[in-house]
């Protein structure tokens, strides 16, 4: 079974509001046995520029990664993202 990953690129405009999302989403990720591999930090973009923050979360399977994103609990946490960040969020199946 292939692992699943959340790959998130973001620019945060309202750190106070976005921190509410981070607090809730972190608990949901942990509940679903997700592991943060990258959570912000220094990055150097090549070829195309546009996002200041990158987050990568590993899940035990692609299905778990999808189910976690689509859960009512996670969808509720997303209300703190709207208006506080511009993101590119992708769920990816590992090799």
C-alpha atoms as a PDB file:
ATOM      1  CA  UNK A   1       0.000   0.000   0.000  1.00  0.00           C
ATOM      2  CA  UNK A   2       1.403   3.382  -1.011  1.00  0.00           C
ATOM      3  CA  UNK A   3       1.732   6.149   1.535  1.00  0.00           C
ATOM      4  CA  UNK A   4      -0.172   9.369   1.054  1.00  0.00           C
ATOM      5  CA  UNK A   5       1.116  12.911   1.404  1.00  0.00           C
ATOM      6  CA  UNK A   6      -0.305  16.353   1.862  1.00  0.00           C
ATOM      7  CA  UNK A   7       1.839  18.885   0.022  1.00  0.00           C
ATOM      8  CA  UNK A   8       0.881  22.432   0.894  1.00  0.00           C
ATOM      9  CA  UNK A   9       2.341  25.664  -0.442  1.00  0.00           C
ATOM     10  CA  UNK A  10       1.089  28.807   1.281  1.00  0.00           C
ATOM     11  CA  UNK A  11       1.354  32.533   1.710  1.00  0.00           C
ATOM     12  CA  UNK A  12      -0.123  33.622   5.020  1.00  0.00           C
ATOM     13  CA  UNK A  13      -1.718  37.063   5.286  1.00  0.00           C
ATOM     14  CA  UNK A  14      -3.288  36.828   8.765  1.00  0.00           C
ATOM     15  CA  UNK A  15      -1.029  34.902  11.141  1.00  0.00           C
ATOM     16  CA  UNK A  16      -3.414  35.161  14.117  1.00  0.00           C
ATOM     17  CA  UNK A  17      -6.309  33.566  12.236  1.00  0.00           C
ATOM     18  CA  UNK A  18      -4.088  31.010  10.497  1.00  0.00           C
ATOM     19  CA  UNK A  19      -2.626  29.926  13.848  1.00  0.00           C
ATOM     20  CA  UNK A  20      -6.140  28.778  14.829  1.00  0.00           C
ATOM     21  CA  UNK A  21      -6.142  26.534  11.759  1.00  0.00           C
ATOM     22  CA  UNK A  22      -2.664  25.189  12.607  1.00  0.00           C
ATOM     23  CA  UNK A  23      -3.747  24.298  16.148  1.00  0.00           C
ATOM     24  CA  UNK A  24      -6.837  22.409  14.966  1.00  0.00           C
ATOM     25  CA  UNK A  25      -5.247  20.798  11.912  1.00  0.00           C
ATOM     26  CA  UNK A  26      -2.259  19.537  13.927  1.00  0.00           C
ATOM     27  CA  UNK A  27      -4.583  17.586  16.227  1.00  0.00           C
ATOM     28  CA  UNK A  28      -6.496  16.137  13.276  1.00  0.00           C
ATOM     29  CA  UNK A  29      -3.285  15.077  11.532  1.00  0.00           C
ATOM     30  CA  UNK A  30      -2.050  13.382  14.714  1.00  0.00           C
ATOM     31  CA  UNK A  31      -5.405  11.632  15.184  1.00  0.00           C
ATOM     32  CA  UNK A  32      -4.988  10.183  11.680  1.00  0.00           C
ATOM     33  CA  UNK A  33      -1.390   9.052  12.370  1.00  0.00           C
ATOM     34  CA  UNK A  34       0.038  11.707  10.064  1.00  0.00           C
ATOM     35  CA  UNK A  35       3.652  12.805  10.431  1.00  0.00           C
ATOM     36  CA  UNK A  36       4.914  16.275   9.573  1.00  0.00           C
ATOM     37  CA  UNK A  37       8.014  15.894   7.380  1.00  0.00           C
ATOM     38  CA  UNK A  38       8.287  19.585   6.497  1.00  0.00           C
ATOM     39  CA  UNK A  39       6.593  22.370   8.410  1.00  0.00           C
ATOM     40  CA  UNK A  40       7.703  25.755   7.183  1.00  0.00           C
ATOM     41  CA  UNK A  41      11.354  26.502   7.729  1.00  0.00           C
ATOM     42  CA  UNK A  42      13.912  27.855   5.306  1.00  0.00           C
ATOM     43  CA  UNK A  43      13.376  27.176   1.637  1.00  0.00           C
ATOM     44  CA  UNK A  44      14.895  28.254  -1.632  1.00  0.00           C
ATOM     45  CA  UNK A  45      12.614  28.303  -4.655  1.00  0.00           C
ATOM     46  CA  UNK A  46      13.962  27.618  -8.128  1.00  0.00           C
ATOM     47  CA  UNK A  47      12.350  27.987 -11.545  1.00  0.00           C
ATOM     48  CA  UNK A  48       9.020  29.435 -10.313  1.00  0.00           C
ATOM     49  CA  UNK A  49       8.423  31.568  -7.239  1.00  0.00           C
ATOM     50  CA  UNK A  50       5.263  32.262  -5.361  1.00  0.00           C
ATOM     51  CA  UNK A  51       4.836  30.588  -1.992  1.00  0.00           C
ATOM     52  CA  UNK A  52       6.731  31.402   1.202  1.00  0.00           C
ATOM     53  CA  UNK A  53       5.756  28.324   3.253  1.00  0.00           C
ATOM     54  CA  UNK A  54       5.822  24.600   2.452  1.00  0.00           C
ATOM     55  CA  UNK A  55       4.307  21.822   4.555  1.00  0.00           C
ATOM     56  CA  UNK A  56       4.518  18.088   3.816  1.00  0.00           C
ATOM     57  CA  UNK A  57       2.594  15.550   5.887  1.00  0.00           C
ATOM     58  CA  UNK A  58       3.006  11.778   5.481  1.00  0.00           C
ATOM     59  CA  UNK A  59       0.116   9.365   6.095  1.00  0.00           C
ATOM     60  CA  UNK A  60       0.159   5.577   6.181  1.00  0.00           C
ATOM     61  CA  UNK A  61      -1.859   5.421   2.948  1.00  0.00           C
ATOM     62  CA  UNK A  62      -3.209   7.599   0.157  1.00  0.00           C
ATOM     63  CA  UNK A  63      -6.757   6.718   1.270  1.00  0.00           C
ATOM     64  CA  UNK A  64      -6.077   7.910   4.828  1.00  0.00           C
ATOM     65  CA  UNK A  65      -4.629  11.173   3.462  1.00  0.00           C
ATOM     66  CA  UNK A  66      -7.754  11.718   1.341  1.00  0.00           C
ATOM     67  CA  UNK A  67     -10.138  10.711   4.125  1.00  0.00           C
ATOM     68  CA  UNK A  68      -8.415  13.016   6.598  1.00  0.00           C
ATOM     69  CA  UNK A  69      -8.680  15.984   4.232  1.00  0.00           C
ATOM     70  CA  UNK A  70     -12.335  15.237   3.475  1.00  0.00           C
ATOM     71  CA  UNK A  71     -13.331  14.628   7.102  1.00  0.00           C
ATOM     72  CA  UNK A  72     -15.938  16.922   8.614  1.00  0.00           C
ATOM     73  CA  UNK A  73     -13.486  17.787  11.385  1.00  0.00           C
ATOM     74  CA  UNK A  74     -10.782  18.957   8.961  1.00  0.00           C
ATOM     75  CA  UNK A  75     -13.263  20.767   6.726  1.00  0.00           C
ATOM     76  CA  UNK A  76     -14.402  22.690   9.805  1.00  0.00           C
ATOM     77  CA  UNK A  77     -10.793  23.707  10.566  1.00  0.00           C
ATOM     78  CA  UNK A  78     -10.483  25.102   7.028  1.00  0.00           C
ATOM     79  CA  UNK A  79     -12.778  28.003   7.926  1.00  0.00           C
ATOM     80  CA  UNK A  80      -9.696  29.624   9.497  1.00  0.00           C
ATOM     81  CA  UNK A  81      -7.797  29.403   6.189  1.00  0.00           C
ATOM     82  CA  UNK A  82     -10.306  31.350   4.129  1.00  0.00           C
ATOM     83  CA  UNK A  83      -9.200  34.967   4.168  1.00  0.00           C
ATOM     84  CA  UNK A  84      -6.022  34.262   6.128  1.00  0.00           C
ATOM     85  CA  UNK A  85      -3.913  32.431   3.533  1.00  0.00           C
ATOM     86  CA  UNK A  86      -3.528  31.710  -0.151  1.00  0.00           C
ATOM     87  CA  UNK A  87      -2.655  28.029  -0.590  1.00  0.00           C
ATOM     88  CA  UNK A  88      -2.015  25.295  -3.101  1.00  0.00           C
ATOM     89  CA  UNK A  89      -3.033  22.022  -1.374  1.00  0.00           C
ATOM     90  CA  UNK A  90      -2.399  18.678  -3.036  1.00  0.00           C
ATOM     91  CA  UNK A  91      -2.921  15.124  -1.805  1.00  0.00           C
ATOM     92  CA  UNK A  92      -0.346  12.886  -3.483  1.00  0.00           C
ATOM     93  CA  UNK A  93       0.087   9.109  -3.622  1.00  0.00           C
ATOM     94  CA  UNK A  94       3.636   7.962  -2.810  1.00  0.00           C
ATOM     95  CA  UNK A  95       5.676   5.475  -4.824  1.00  0.00           C
END
